[in-house]
PDB file of N, CA and C in Angstrom:
ATOM      1  N   UNK A   1      95.840  88.775  95.664  1.00  0.00           N
ATOM      2  CA  UNK A   1      94.754  90.111  94.985  1.00  0.00           C
ATOM      3  C   UNK A   1      95.505  91.486  95.187  1.00  0.00           C
ATOM      4  N   UNK A   2      96.079  92.205  96.104  1.00  0.00           N
ATOM      5  CA  UNK A   2      96.224  93.193  96.312  1.00  0.00           C
ATOM      6  C   UNK A   2      97.672  93.819  95.612  1.00  0.00           C
ATOM      7  N   UNK A   3      98.198  92.810  94.919  1.00  0.00           N
ATOM      8  CA  UNK A   3      99.971  93.579  93.653  1.00  0.00           C
ATOM      9  C   UNK A   3      99.070  92.574  92.439  1.00  0.00           C
ATOM     10  N   UNK A   4      98.303  92.497  92.798  1.00  0.00           N
ATOM     11  CA  UNK A   4      97.895  91.974  91.364  1.00  0.00           C
ATOM     12  C   UNK A   4      96.277  93.374  90.817  1.00  0.00           C
ATOM     13  N   UNK A   5      95.829  93.258  91.414  1.00  0.00           N
ATOM     14  CA  UNK A   5      94.923  94.215  91.621  1.00  0.00           C
ATOM     15  C   UNK A   5      95.272  96.222  90.744  1.00  0.00           C
ATOM     16  N   UNK A   6      97.514  96.124  91.127  1.00  0.00           N
ATOM     17  CA  UNK A   6      97.492  96.804  90.858  1.00  0.00           C
ATOM     18  C   UNK A   6      97.654  97.041  89.416  1.00  0.00           C
ATOM     19  N   UNK A   7      97.663  95.679  88.713  1.00  0.00           N
ATOM     20  CA  UNK A   7      97.291  96.478  86.743  1.00  0.00           C
ATOM     21  C   UNK A   7      95.981  96.498  86.463  1.00  0.00           C
ATOM     22  N   UNK A   8      95.379  96.378  87.607  1.00  0.00           N
ATOM     23  CA  UNK A   8      93.516  96.962  87.062  1.00  0.00           C
ATOM     24  C   UNK A   8      93.279  97.905  86.546  1.00  0.00           C
ATOM     25  N   UNK A   9      92.228  98.323  85.525  1.00  0.00           N
ATOM     26  CA  UNK A   9      91.735  99.277  85.417  1.00  0.00           C
ATOM     27  C   UNK A   9      90.812 100.501  86.448  1.00  0.00           C
ATOM     28  N   UNK A  10      91.777 101.470  86.250  1.00  0.00           N
ATOM     29  CA  UNK A  10      91.747 102.701  86.317  1.00  0.00           C
ATOM     30  C   UNK A  10      89.751 102.917  86.606  1.00  0.00           C
ATOM     31  N   UNK A  11      89.080 103.688  87.340  1.00  0.00           N
ATOM     32  CA  UNK A  11      87.940 104.084  87.019  1.00  0.00           C
ATOM     33  C   UNK A  11      87.811 104.934  87.539  1.00  0.00           C
ATOM     34  N   UNK A  12      86.652 105.943  87.495  1.00  0.00           N
ATOM     35  CA  UNK A  12      86.167 106.997  88.527  1.00  0.00           C
ATOM     36  C   UNK A  12      84.793 106.183  88.831  1.00  0.00           C
ATOM     37  N   UNK A  13      85.340 106.382  90.127  1.00  0.00           N
ATOM     38  CA  UNK A  13      83.631 106.381  90.680  1.00  0.00           C
ATOM     39  C   UNK A  13      83.228 107.021  91.938  1.00  0.00           C
ATOM     40  N   UNK A  14      82.199 106.749  92.792  1.00  0.00           N
ATOM     41  CA  UNK A  14      81.038 107.690  93.247  1.00  0.00           C
ATOM     42  C   UNK A  14      80.908 106.948  94.630  1.00  0.00           C
ATOM     43  N   UNK A  15      81.599 107.386  96.193  1.00  0.00           N
ATOM     44  CA  UNK A  15      81.272 107.153  97.049  1.00  0.00           C
ATOM     45  C   UNK A  15      79.663 106.971  97.914  1.00  0.00           C
ATOM     46  N   UNK A  16      79.030 106.163  97.796  1.00  0.00           N
ATOM     47  CA  UNK A  16      77.430 106.056  98.033  1.00  0.00           C
ATOM     48  C   UNK A  16      78.106 106.429 100.211  1.00  0.00           C
ATOM     49  N   UNK A  17      78.221 105.502 100.226  1.00  0.00           N
ATOM     50  CA  UNK A  17      78.507 104.946 101.061  1.00  0.00           C
ATOM     51  C   UNK A  17      79.479 104.827 102.651  1.00  0.00           C
ATOM     52  N   UNK A  18      79.765 105.228 104.187  1.00  0.00           N
ATOM     53  CA  UNK A  18      81.098 104.517 104.483  1.00  0.00           C
ATOM     54  C   UNK A  18      81.161 105.412 106.057  1.00  0.00           C
ATOM     55  N   UNK A  19      80.882 103.644 106.228  1.00  0.00           N
ATOM     56  CA  UNK A  19      81.100 104.136 107.967  1.00  0.00           C
ATOM     57  C   UNK A  19      81.346 103.341 108.744  1.00  0.00           C
ATOM     58  N   UNK A  20      81.694 103.945 109.639  1.00  0.00           N
ATOM     59  CA  UNK A  20      82.535 102.773 111.080  1.00  0.00           C
ATOM     60  C   UNK A  20      81.730 102.076 112.361  1.00  0.00           C
ATOM     61  N   UNK A  21      81.830 101.157 112.241  1.00  0.00           N
ATOM     62  CA  UNK A  21      81.309 100.624 113.209  1.00  0.00           C
ATOM     63  C   UNK A  21      81.578  99.893 113.990  1.00  0.00           C
ATOM     64  N   UNK A  22      81.350 100.666 115.786  1.00  0.00           N
ATOM     65  CA  UNK A  22      82.303 100.214 116.811  1.00  0.00           C
ATOM     66  C   UNK A  22      81.237  99.258 117.682  1.00  0.00           C
ATOM     67  N   UNK A  23      81.883  98.250 117.713  1.00  0.00           N
ATOM     68  CA  UNK A  23      81.772  97.152 119.167  1.00  0.00           C
ATOM     69  C   UNK A  23      82.753  96.923 120.351  1.00  0.00           C
ATOM     70  N   UNK A  24      81.356  97.288 120.869  1.00  0.00           N
ATOM     71  CA  UNK A  24      81.978  97.057 122.809  1.00  0.00           C
ATOM     72  C   UNK A  24      81.646  95.560 123.600  1.00  0.00           C
ATOM     73  N   UNK A  25      83.018  95.433 124.168  1.00  0.00           N
ATOM     74  CA  UNK A  25      82.825  93.819 124.354  1.00  0.00           C
ATOM     75  C   UNK A  25      83.292  93.415 126.115  1.00  0.00           C
ATOM     76  N   UNK A  26      82.275  93.798 127.330  1.00  0.00           N
ATOM     77  CA  UNK A  26      82.517  94.619 128.256  1.00  0.00           C
ATOM     78  C   UNK A  26      83.414  95.390 128.315  1.00  0.00           C
ATOM     79  N   UNK A  27      83.804  95.799 129.319  1.00  0.00           N
ATOM     80  CA  UNK A  27      85.286  96.442 130.262  1.00  0.00           C
ATOM     81  C   UNK A  27      85.970  97.245 128.992  1.00  0.00           C
ATOM     82  N   UNK A  28      87.172  97.519 128.576  1.00  0.00           N
ATOM     83  CA  UNK A  28      87.986  98.301 127.466  1.00  0.00           C
ATOM     84  C   UNK A  28      87.814  97.792 125.861  1.00  0.00           C
ATOM     85  N   UNK A  29      87.232  96.740 125.978  1.00  0.00           N
ATOM     86  CA  UNK A  29      87.427  95.760 125.286  1.00  0.00           C
ATOM     87  C   UNK A  29      86.535  96.432 123.984  1.00  0.00           C
ATOM     88  N   UNK A  30      87.316  96.051 122.727  1.00  0.00           N
ATOM     89  CA  UNK A  30      85.838  96.957 121.395  1.00  0.00           C
ATOM     90  C   UNK A  30      87.237  96.496 120.136  1.00  0.00           C
ATOM     91  N   UNK A  31      85.919  96.189 119.187  1.00  0.00           N
ATOM     92  CA  UNK A  31      86.166  96.145 117.785  1.00  0.00           C
ATOM     93  C   UNK A  31      85.532  96.892 116.444  1.00  0.00           C
ATOM     94  N   UNK A  32      86.180  96.856 115.561  1.00  0.00           N
ATOM     95  CA  UNK A  32      86.067  97.916 114.383  1.00  0.00           C
ATOM     96  C   UNK A  32      85.713  97.712 113.126  1.00  0.00           C
ATOM     97  N   UNK A  33      84.910  97.564 112.665  1.00  0.00           N
ATOM     98  CA  UNK A  33      83.922  96.876 111.004  1.00  0.00           C
ATOM     99  C   UNK A  33      83.753  98.358 110.363  1.00  0.00           C
ATOM    100  N   UNK A  34      84.111  98.532 109.233  1.00  0.00           N
ATOM    101  CA  UNK A  34      84.305  99.176 108.846  1.00  0.00           C
ATOM    102  C   UNK A  34      82.721  98.963 107.489  1.00  0.00           C
ATOM    103  N   UNK A  35      82.106  99.813 106.643  1.00  0.00           N
ATOM    104  CA  UNK A  35      81.166  99.437 105.440  1.00  0.00           C
ATOM    105  C   UNK A  35      81.515 100.422 104.288  1.00  0.00           C
ATOM    106  N   UNK A  36      81.331 100.134 103.040  1.00  0.00           N
ATOM    107  CA  UNK A  36      82.010 101.182 101.844  1.00  0.00           C
ATOM    108  C   UNK A  36      81.385 100.557 101.167  1.00  0.00           C
ATOM    109  N   UNK A  37      80.431 101.109 100.747  1.00  0.00           N
ATOM    110  CA  UNK A  37      79.239 101.350  99.453  1.00  0.00           C
ATOM    111  C   UNK A  37      80.096 101.943  98.324  1.00  0.00           C
ATOM    112  N   UNK A  38      80.077 101.824  97.021  1.00  0.00           N
ATOM    113  CA  UNK A  38      80.146 103.179  95.805  1.00  0.00           C
ATOM    114  C   UNK A  38      80.241 102.276  94.760  1.00  0.00           C
ATOM    115  N   UNK A  39      79.786 103.650  93.100  1.00  0.00           N
ATOM    116  CA  UNK A  39      79.623 102.457  92.217  1.00  0.00           C
ATOM    117  C   UNK A  39      80.247 103.132  91.148  1.00  0.00           C
ATOM    118  N   UNK A  40      80.670 103.083  89.413  1.00  0.00           N
ATOM    119  CA  UNK A  40      81.133 103.374  89.132  1.00  0.00           C
ATOM    120  C   UNK A  40      80.887 102.708  88.007  1.00  0.00           C
ATOM    121  N   UNK A  41      80.776 102.993  86.542  1.00  0.00           N
ATOM    122  CA  UNK A  41      80.162 102.827  85.165  1.00  0.00           C
ATOM    123  C   UNK A  41      81.553 102.044  83.768  1.00  0.00           C
ATOM    124  N   UNK A  42      81.069 101.550  83.484  1.00  0.00           N
ATOM    125  CA  UNK A  42      82.222 100.599  82.189  1.00  0.00           C
ATOM    126  C   UNK A  42      81.222 100.711  80.763  1.00  0.00           C
ATOM    127  N   UNK A  43      81.517 100.643  80.403  1.00  0.00           N
ATOM    128  CA  UNK A  43      81.180 100.713  79.194  1.00  0.00           C
ATOM    129  C   UNK A  43      79.367 100.465  79.011  1.00  0.00           C
ATOM    130  N   UNK A  44      79.122 101.657  79.951  1.00  0.00           N
ATOM    131  CA  UNK A  44      77.580 102.106  80.306  1.00  0.00           C
ATOM    132  C   UNK A  44      77.272 101.429  80.511  1.00  0.00           C
ATOM    133  N   UNK A  45      77.568 100.342  81.754  1.00  0.00           N
ATOM    134  CA  UNK A  45      76.813  99.239  82.062  1.00  0.00           C
ATOM    135  C   UNK A  45      77.688 100.022  84.110  1.00  0.00           C
ATOM    136  N   UNK A  46      76.821 100.209  84.829  1.00  0.00           N
ATOM    137  CA  UNK A  46      76.683 100.598  86.607  1.00  0.00           C
ATOM    138  C   UNK A  46      76.953  99.539  87.063  1.00  0.00           C
ATOM    139  N   UNK A  47      77.957  99.302  87.863  1.00  0.00           N
ATOM    140  CA  UNK A  47      77.924  98.245  88.849  1.00  0.00           C
ATOM    141  C   UNK A  47      78.572  98.931  90.380  1.00  0.00           C
ATOM    142  N   UNK A  48      77.783  98.239  91.737  1.00  0.00           N
ATOM    143  CA  UNK A  48      78.399  98.838  92.988  1.00  0.00           C
ATOM    144  C   UNK A  48      79.107  97.653  93.972  1.00  0.00           C
ATOM    145  N   UNK A  49      79.931  98.447  94.316  1.00  0.00           N
ATOM    146  CA  UNK A  49      80.888  97.553  95.281  1.00  0.00           C
ATOM    147  C   UNK A  49      81.198  98.129  96.461  1.00  0.00           C
ATOM    148  N   UNK A  50      81.508  96.999  97.368  1.00  0.00           N
ATOM    149  CA  UNK A  50      81.879  97.217  98.588  1.00  0.00           C
ATOM    150  C   UNK A  50      83.730  97.458  99.730  1.00  0.00           C
ATOM    151  N   UNK A  51      84.263  97.003  98.685  1.00  0.00           N
ATOM    152  CA  UNK A  51      85.682  96.715  98.895  1.00  0.00           C
ATOM    153  C   UNK A  51      86.677  98.036  99.382  1.00  0.00           C
ATOM    154  N   UNK A  52      86.557  98.687 100.312  1.00  0.00           N
ATOM    155  CA  UNK A  52      87.804 100.102 100.327  1.00  0.00           C
ATOM    156  C   UNK A  52      89.079  99.226 100.520  1.00  0.00           C
ATOM    157  N   UNK A  53      89.755  98.247 101.019  1.00  0.00           N
ATOM    158  CA  UNK A  53      91.136  97.275 100.542  1.00  0.00           C
ATOM    159  C   UNK A  53      90.879  95.707 101.252  1.00  0.00           C
ATOM    160  N   UNK A  54      91.623  94.887 100.206  1.00  0.00           N
ATOM    161  CA  UNK A  54      91.772  93.926 100.612  1.00  0.00           C
ATOM    162  C   UNK A  54      91.936  93.827 101.619  1.00  0.00           C
ATOM    163  N   UNK A  55      91.169  92.279 102.313  1.00  0.00           N
ATOM    164  CA  UNK A  55      91.792  92.196 104.045  1.00  0.00           C
ATOM    165  C   UNK A  55      91.158  93.197 104.903  1.00  0.00           C
ATOM    166  N   UNK A  56      90.183  93.839 104.571  1.00  0.00           N
ATOM    167  CA  UNK A  56      89.472  94.978 105.485  1.00  0.00           C
ATOM    168  C   UNK A  56      88.505  94.016 106.790  1.00  0.00           C
ATOM    169  N   UNK A  57      88.164  93.096 106.670  1.00  0.00           N
ATOM    170  CA  UNK A  57      87.589  92.622 107.599  1.00  0.00           C
ATOM    171  C   UNK A  57      87.956  91.570 108.540  1.00  0.00           C
ATOM    172  N   UNK A  58      89.829  91.570 108.091  1.00  0.00           N
ATOM    173  CA  UNK A  58      90.465  91.023 109.010  1.00  0.00           C
ATOM    174  C   UNK A  58      91.100  91.950 109.379  1.00  0.00           C
ATOM    175  N   UNK A  59      90.677  92.977 109.779  1.00  0.00           N
ATOM    176  CA  UNK A  59      91.271  93.972 110.633  1.00  0.00           C
ATOM    177  C   UNK A  59      91.160  93.866 111.745  1.00  0.00           C
ATOM    178  N   UNK A  60      92.342  94.077 112.674  1.00  0.00           N
ATOM    179  CA  UNK A  60      91.940  94.062 113.878  1.00  0.00           C
ATOM    180  C   UNK A  60      92.500  95.180 114.627  1.00  0.00           C
ATOM    181  N   UNK A  61      91.730  96.046 115.878  1.00  0.00           N
ATOM    182  CA  UNK A  61      93.057  97.755 115.891  1.00  0.00           C
ATOM    183  C   UNK A  61      92.977  98.760 115.034  1.00  0.00           C
ATOM    184  N   UNK A  62      91.984  98.793 113.835  1.00  0.00           N
ATOM    185  CA  UNK A  62      92.026  99.600 112.704  1.00  0.00           C
ATOM    186  C   UNK A  62      90.968 100.982 112.736  1.00  0.00           C
ATOM    187  N   UNK A  63      91.188 101.334 113.450  1.00  0.00           N
ATOM    188  CA  UNK A  63      90.325 102.313 113.691  1.00  0.00           C
ATOM    189  C   UNK A  63      91.116 103.296 113.630  1.00  0.00           C
ATOM    190  N   UNK A  64      91.801 104.087 113.702  1.00  0.00           N
ATOM    191  CA  UNK A  64      92.540 104.897 112.885  1.00  0.00           C
ATOM    192  C   UNK A  64      92.835 105.175 111.641  1.00  0.00           C
ATOM    193  N   UNK A  65      93.009 103.777 110.957  1.00  0.00           N
ATOM    194  CA  UNK A  65      93.163 103.349 109.241  1.00  0.00           C
ATOM    195  C   UNK A  65      91.297 103.868 109.106  1.00  0.00           C
ATOM    196  N   UNK A  66      90.379 103.030 109.639  1.00  0.00           N
ATOM    197  CA  UNK A  66      88.455 103.694 109.030  1.00  0.00           C
ATOM    198  C   UNK A  66      88.846 104.832 109.851  1.00  0.00           C
ATOM    199  N   UNK A  67      89.158 105.642 110.099  1.00  0.00           N
ATOM    200  CA  UNK A  67      88.708 107.468 110.255  1.00  0.00           C
ATOM    201  C   UNK A  67      89.410 107.845 109.201  1.00  0.00           C
ATOM    202  N   UNK A  68      90.610 107.932 108.859  1.00  0.00           N
ATOM    203  CA  UNK A  68      91.179 108.379 107.709  1.00  0.00           C
ATOM    204  C   UNK A  68      90.588 107.991 106.811  1.00  0.00           C
ATOM    205  N   UNK A  69      90.348 106.744 106.202  1.00  0.00           N
ATOM    206  CA  UNK A  69      88.691 106.420 105.228  1.00  0.00           C
ATOM    207  C   UNK A  69      87.789 106.797 105.099  1.00  0.00           C
ATOM    208  N   UNK A  70      87.341 107.897 106.289  1.00  0.00           N
ATOM    209  CA  UNK A  70      86.072 108.142 106.553  1.00  0.00           C
ATOM    210  C   UNK A  70      86.004 109.435 106.043  1.00  0.00           C
ATOM    211  N   UNK A  71      87.543 110.561 106.394  1.00  0.00           N
ATOM    212  CA  UNK A  71      87.987 111.638 105.916  1.00  0.00           C
ATOM    213  C   UNK A  71      88.702 111.497 104.619  1.00  0.00           C
ATOM    214  N   UNK A  72      89.066 110.325 104.770  1.00  0.00           N
ATOM    215  CA  UNK A  72      89.640 111.130 103.138  1.00  0.00           C
ATOM    216  C   UNK A  72      88.468 110.732 101.820  1.00  0.00           C
ATOM    217  N   UNK A  73      87.378 109.922 102.322  1.00  0.00           N
ATOM    218  CA  UNK A  73      86.213 109.247 101.386  1.00  0.00           C
ATOM    219  C   UNK A  73      85.015 109.429 101.845  1.00  0.00           C
ATOM    220  N   UNK A  74      84.955 111.126 101.358  1.00  0.00           N
ATOM    221  CA  UNK A  74      83.273 111.775 102.097  1.00  0.00           C
ATOM    222  C   UNK A  74      82.274 111.526 101.185  1.00  0.00           C
ATOM    223  N   UNK A  75      80.692 110.889 101.149  1.00  0.00           N
ATOM    224  CA  UNK A  75      80.107 110.214 100.527  1.00  0.00           C
ATOM    225  C   UNK A  75      79.816 111.971 100.032  1.00  0.00           C
ATOM    226  N   UNK A  76      79.523 111.552  98.575  1.00  0.00           N
ATOM    227  CA  UNK A  76      79.257 112.224  97.826  1.00  0.00           C
ATOM    228  C   UNK A  76      80.181 112.069  96.686  1.00  0.00           C
ATOM    229  N   UNK A  77      81.599 111.699  97.286  1.00  0.00           N
ATOM    230  CA  UNK A  77      82.664 112.780  96.553  1.00  0.00           C
ATOM    231  C   UNK A  77      83.503 111.201  95.963  1.00  0.00           C
ATOM    232  N   UNK A  78      84.454 111.565  94.763  1.00  0.00           N
ATOM    233  CA  UNK A  78      84.902 110.706  93.575  1.00  0.00           C
ATOM    234  C   UNK A  78      85.918 110.258  93.526  1.00  0.00           C
ATOM    235  N   UNK A  79      86.185 109.537  93.162  1.00  0.00           N
ATOM    236  CA  UNK A  79      87.708 108.734  93.649  1.00  0.00           C
ATOM    237  C   UNK A  79      88.002 107.161  92.011  1.00  0.00           C
ATOM    238  N   UNK A  80      89.127 107.104  92.491  1.00  0.00           N
ATOM    239  CA  UNK A  80      89.198 106.612  91.132  1.00  0.00           C
ATOM    240  C   UNK A  80      89.474 104.556  91.697  1.00  0.00           C
ATOM    241  N   UNK A  81      89.329 103.726  91.980  1.00  0.00           N
ATOM    242  CA  UNK A  81      89.215 102.824  92.060  1.00  0.00           C
ATOM    243  C   UNK A  81      89.427 102.249  91.065  1.00  0.00           C
ATOM    244  N   UNK A  82      90.206 100.567  91.296  1.00  0.00           N
ATOM    245  CA  UNK A  82      90.566  99.185  90.351  1.00  0.00           C
ATOM    246  C   UNK A  82      89.824  98.326  89.809  1.00  0.00           C
ATOM    247  N   UNK A  83      89.375  98.026  89.180  1.00  0.00           N
ATOM    248  CA  UNK A  83      88.422  97.205  88.649  1.00  0.00           C
ATOM    249  C   UNK A  83      89.107  95.911  87.300  1.00  0.00           C
ATOM    250  N   UNK A  84      88.968  95.114  87.939  1.00  0.00           N
ATOM    251  CA  UNK A  84      89.667  93.479  87.328  1.00  0.00           C
ATOM    252  C   UNK A  84      89.040  93.197  86.180  1.00  0.00           C
ATOM    253  N   UNK A  85      89.852  93.358  85.078  1.00  0.00           N
ATOM    254  CA  UNK A  85      89.646  93.477  83.887  1.00  0.00           C
ATOM    255  C   UNK A  85      88.505  92.453  83.022  1.00  0.00           C
ATOM    256  N   UNK A  86      87.931  90.984  84.175  1.00  0.00           N
ATOM    257  CA  UNK A  86      88.196  90.140  83.792  1.00  0.00           C
ATOM    258  C   UNK A  86      86.200  90.263  83.989  1.00  0.00           C
ATOM    259  N   UNK A  87      86.286  90.649  85.374  1.00  0.00           N
ATOM    260  CA  UNK A  87      85.385  90.397  86.224  1.00  0.00           C
ATOM    261  C   UNK A  87      84.865  92.434  86.649  1.00  0.00           C
ATOM    262  N   UNK A  88      83.879  92.467  85.377  1.00  0.00           N
ATOM    263  CA  UNK A  88      84.298  94.170  86.338  1.00  0.00           C
ATOM    264  C   UNK A  88      83.120  94.375  86.988  1.00  0.00           C
ATOM    265  N   UNK A  89      82.518  93.647  88.036  1.00  0.00           N
ATOM    266  CA  UNK A  89      82.025  93.616  88.974  1.00  0.00           C
ATOM    267  C   UNK A  89      82.663  93.375  90.376  1.00  0.00           C
ATOM    268  N   UNK A  90      83.869  92.986  90.180  1.00  0.00           N
ATOM    269  CA  UNK A  90      85.164  93.378  91.411  1.00  0.00           C
ATOM    270  C   UNK A  90      85.960  93.997  91.087  1.00  0.00           C
ATOM    271  N   UNK A  91      86.326  95.307  92.340  1.00  0.00           N
ATOM    272  CA  UNK A  91      86.535  95.995  92.384  1.00  0.00           C
ATOM    273  C   UNK A  91      87.181  96.653  94.031  1.00  0.00           C
ATOM    274  N   UNK A  92      88.124  97.429  93.884  1.00  0.00           N
ATOM    275  CA  UNK A  92      89.007  97.757  95.252  1.00  0.00           C
ATOM    276  C   UNK A  92      89.412  99.721  95.424  1.00  0.00           C
ATOM    277  N   UNK A  93      88.609 100.280  95.633  1.00  0.00           N
ATOM    278  CA  UNK A  93      89.149 101.452  96.190  1.00  0.00           C
ATOM    279  C   UNK A  93      90.828 101.772  96.690  1.00  0.00           C
ATOM    280  N   UNK A  94      91.544 100.996  97.827  1.00  0.00           N
ATOM    281  CA  UNK A  94      93.105 100.684  97.887  1.00  0.00           C
ATOM    282  C   UNK A  94      93.558  99.759  97.458  1.00  0.00           C
ATOM    283  N   UNK A  95      94.097  99.988  97.069  1.00  0.00           N
ATOM    284  CA  UNK A  95      94.871  97.980  96.622  1.00  0.00           C
ATOM    285  C   UNK A  95      96.748  98.193  96.613  1.00  0.00           C
ATOM    286  N   UNK A  96      97.407  99.095  97.776  1.00  0.00           N
ATOM    287  CA  UNK A  96      98.040  99.320  98.913  1.00  0.00           C
ATOM    288  C   UNK A  96      98.298  98.171  99.810  1.00  0.00           C
ATOM    289  N   UNK A  97      99.541  97.964 100.212  1.00  0.00           N
ATOM    290  CA  UNK A  97      99.561  96.632 101.896  1.00  0.00           C
ATOM    291  C   UNK A  97      99.582  97.815 102.353  1.00  0.00           C
ATOM    292  N   UNK A  98      98.566  97.464 103.162  1.00  0.00           N
ATOM    293  CA  UNK A  98      98.401  97.961 104.936  1.00  0.00           C
ATOM    294  C   UNK A  98      99.522  97.769 105.422  1.00  0.00           C
ATOM    295  N   UNK A  99     100.251  98.432 106.302  1.00  0.00           N
ATOM    296  CA  UNK A  99     100.419  97.883 107.722  1.00  0.00           C
ATOM    297  C   UNK A  99     100.414  96.911 108.912  1.00  0.00           C
ATOM    298  N   UNK A 100      98.981  97.502 108.476  1.00  0.00           N
ATOM    299  CA  UNK A 100      98.427  96.585 109.804  1.00  0.00           C
ATOM    300  C   UNK A 100      97.668  95.180 108.906  1.00  0.00           C
ATOM    301  N   UNK A 101      98.243  94.599 107.736  1.00  0.00           N
ATOM    302  CA  UNK A 101      98.039  93.756 107.298  1.00  0.00           C
ATOM    303  C   UNK A 101      99.220  92.721 107.669  1.00  0.00           C
ATOM    304  N   UNK A 102     100.395  93.564 107.768  1.00  0.00           N
ATOM    305  CA  UNK A 102     101.705  92.926 108.382  1.00  0.00           C
ATOM    306  C   UNK A 102     101.103  92.937 109.808  1.00  0.00           C
ATOM    307  N   UNK A 103     100.529  92.954 111.262  1.00  0.00           N
ATOM    308  CA  UNK A 103     100.785  93.020 111.648  1.00  0.00           C
ATOM    309  C   UNK A 103      99.844  91.772 112.491  1.00  0.00           C
ATOM    310  N   UNK A 104      98.972  91.708 111.695  1.00  0.00           N
ATOM    311  CA  UNK A 104      97.131  90.557 111.586  1.00  0.00           C
ATOM    312  C   UNK A 104      98.093  88.923 111.203  1.00  0.00           C
ATOM    313  N   UNK A 105      99.664  89.278 109.936  1.00  0.00           N
ATOM    314  CA  UNK A 105     100.430  88.228 110.091  1.00  0.00           C
ATOM    315  C   UNK A 105     101.023  87.552 110.994  1.00  0.00           C
ATOM    316  N   UNK A 106     101.920  88.770 111.479  1.00  0.00           N
ATOM    317  CA  UNK A 106     102.949  88.793 112.546  1.00  0.00           C
ATOM    318  C   UNK A 106     101.850  87.472 113.967  1.00  0.00           C
ATOM    319  N   UNK A 107     100.442  88.668 113.851  1.00  0.00           N
ATOM    320  CA  UNK A 107     100.058  87.577 115.743  1.00  0.00           C
ATOM    321  C   UNK A 107      99.412  86.360 114.781  1.00  0.00           C
ATOM    322  N   UNK A 108      99.067  85.968 113.324  1.00  0.00           N
ATOM    323  CA  UNK A 108      98.161  84.904 113.281  1.00  0.00           C
ATOM    324  C   UNK A 108      99.990  83.910 112.954  1.00  0.00           C
ATOM    325  N   UNK A 109     101.147  84.407 113.161  1.00  0.00           N
ATOM    326  CA  UNK A 109     102.242  83.515 113.059  1.00  0.00           C
ATOM    327  C   UNK A 109     102.681  83.542 114.050  1.00  0.00           C
ATOM    328  N   UNK A 110     102.800  84.079 114.833  1.00  0.00           N
ATOM    329  CA  UNK A 110     103.342  83.922 116.453  1.00  0.00           C
ATOM    330  C   UNK A 110     101.776  82.664 117.145  1.00  0.00           C
ATOM    331  N   UNK A 111     100.833  83.003 116.694  1.00  0.00           N
ATOM    332  CA  UNK A 111      99.881  82.044 117.301  1.00  0.00           C
ATOM    333  C   UNK A 111      99.857  80.857 116.892  1.00  0.00           C
ATOM    334  N   UNK A 112      99.936  81.052 115.250  1.00  0.00           N
ATOM    335  CA  UNK A 112     100.812  78.995 114.895  1.00  0.00           C
ATOM    336  C   UNK A 112     101.591  78.444 115.259  1.00  0.00           C
ATOM    337  N   UNK A 113     102.989  79.311 115.910  1.00  0.00           N
ATOM    338  CA  UNK A 113     104.091  78.798 116.817  1.00  0.00           C
ATOM    339  C   UNK A 113     103.593  78.441 117.863  1.00  0.00           C
ATOM    340  N   UNK A 114     102.461  79.398 118.708  1.00  0.00           N
ATOM    341  CA  UNK A 114     102.411  78.521 120.194  1.00  0.00           C
ATOM    342  C   UNK A 114     101.857  77.489 120.257  1.00  0.00           C
ATOM    343  N   UNK A 115     100.883  77.061 118.884  1.00  0.00           N
ATOM    344  CA  UNK A 115      99.749  75.896 119.148  1.00  0.00           C
ATOM    345  C   UNK A 115     101.133  74.777 118.407  1.00  0.00           C
ATOM    346  N   UNK A 116     102.098  74.654 117.902  1.00  0.00           N
ATOM    347  CA  UNK A 116     102.694  74.172 117.529  1.00  0.00           C
ATOM    348  C   UNK A 116     103.155  73.857 118.746  1.00  0.00           C
ATOM    349  N   UNK A 117     103.334  74.643 119.943  1.00  0.00           N
ATOM    350  CA  UNK A 117     104.499  74.382 120.397  1.00  0.00           C
ATOM    351  C   UNK A 117     104.585  73.704 121.313  1.00  0.00           C
ATOM    352  N   UNK A 118     102.693  74.280 122.084  1.00  0.00           N
ATOM    353  CA  UNK A 118     101.904  72.654 122.938  1.00  0.00           C
ATOM    354  C   UNK A 118     101.458  72.204 122.222  1.00  0.00           C
ATOM    355  N   UNK A 119     101.191  71.813 120.996  1.00  0.00           N
ATOM    356  CA  UNK A 119     101.297  69.992 120.464  1.00  0.00           C
ATOM    357  C   UNK A 119     102.255  69.120 120.595  1.00  0.00           C
ATOM    358  N   UNK A 120     103.038  69.685 119.823  1.00  0.00           N
ATOM    359  CA  UNK A 120     104.691  69.014 120.597  1.00  0.00           C
ATOM    360  C   UNK A 120     104.630  68.947 121.044  1.00  0.00           C
ATOM    361  N   UNK A 121     105.110  69.650 122.779  1.00  0.00           N
ATOM    362  CA  UNK A 121     105.711  69.720 123.595  1.00  0.00           C
ATOM    363  C   UNK A 121     105.463  69.182 124.611  1.00  0.00           C
ATOM    364  N   UNK A 122     104.130  68.704 124.832  1.00  0.00           N
ATOM    365  CA  UNK A 122     102.745  68.616 125.891  1.00  0.00           C
ATOM    366  C   UNK A 122     102.674  67.474 125.522  1.00  0.00           C
TER     367      UNK A 122
END
């Protein structure tokens, strides 16, 4: 979706909400989640969406990315979003590939290789 969204229509949107949730799991372990909400208008019809970037709910160890997003998109500010020309309710604020996506993909590959090794050798 990230690459395809680069051809989507650019529309001006208003940021309604953007915050980071931090969950602590004993010791020093924590996870982060970002919640986003913005609105935009196309042909007189108003839409709301929550997608900051594709894969945002699959991102681990992303507090830096999320912190930068909060600074970059303060509540009430306007920004360009990319809107699917076929499904006007589908949109994304950032349509670039993040380093964290490569990190998550690498972790997944290592995990799958490990499972494969255990399955075939034991």
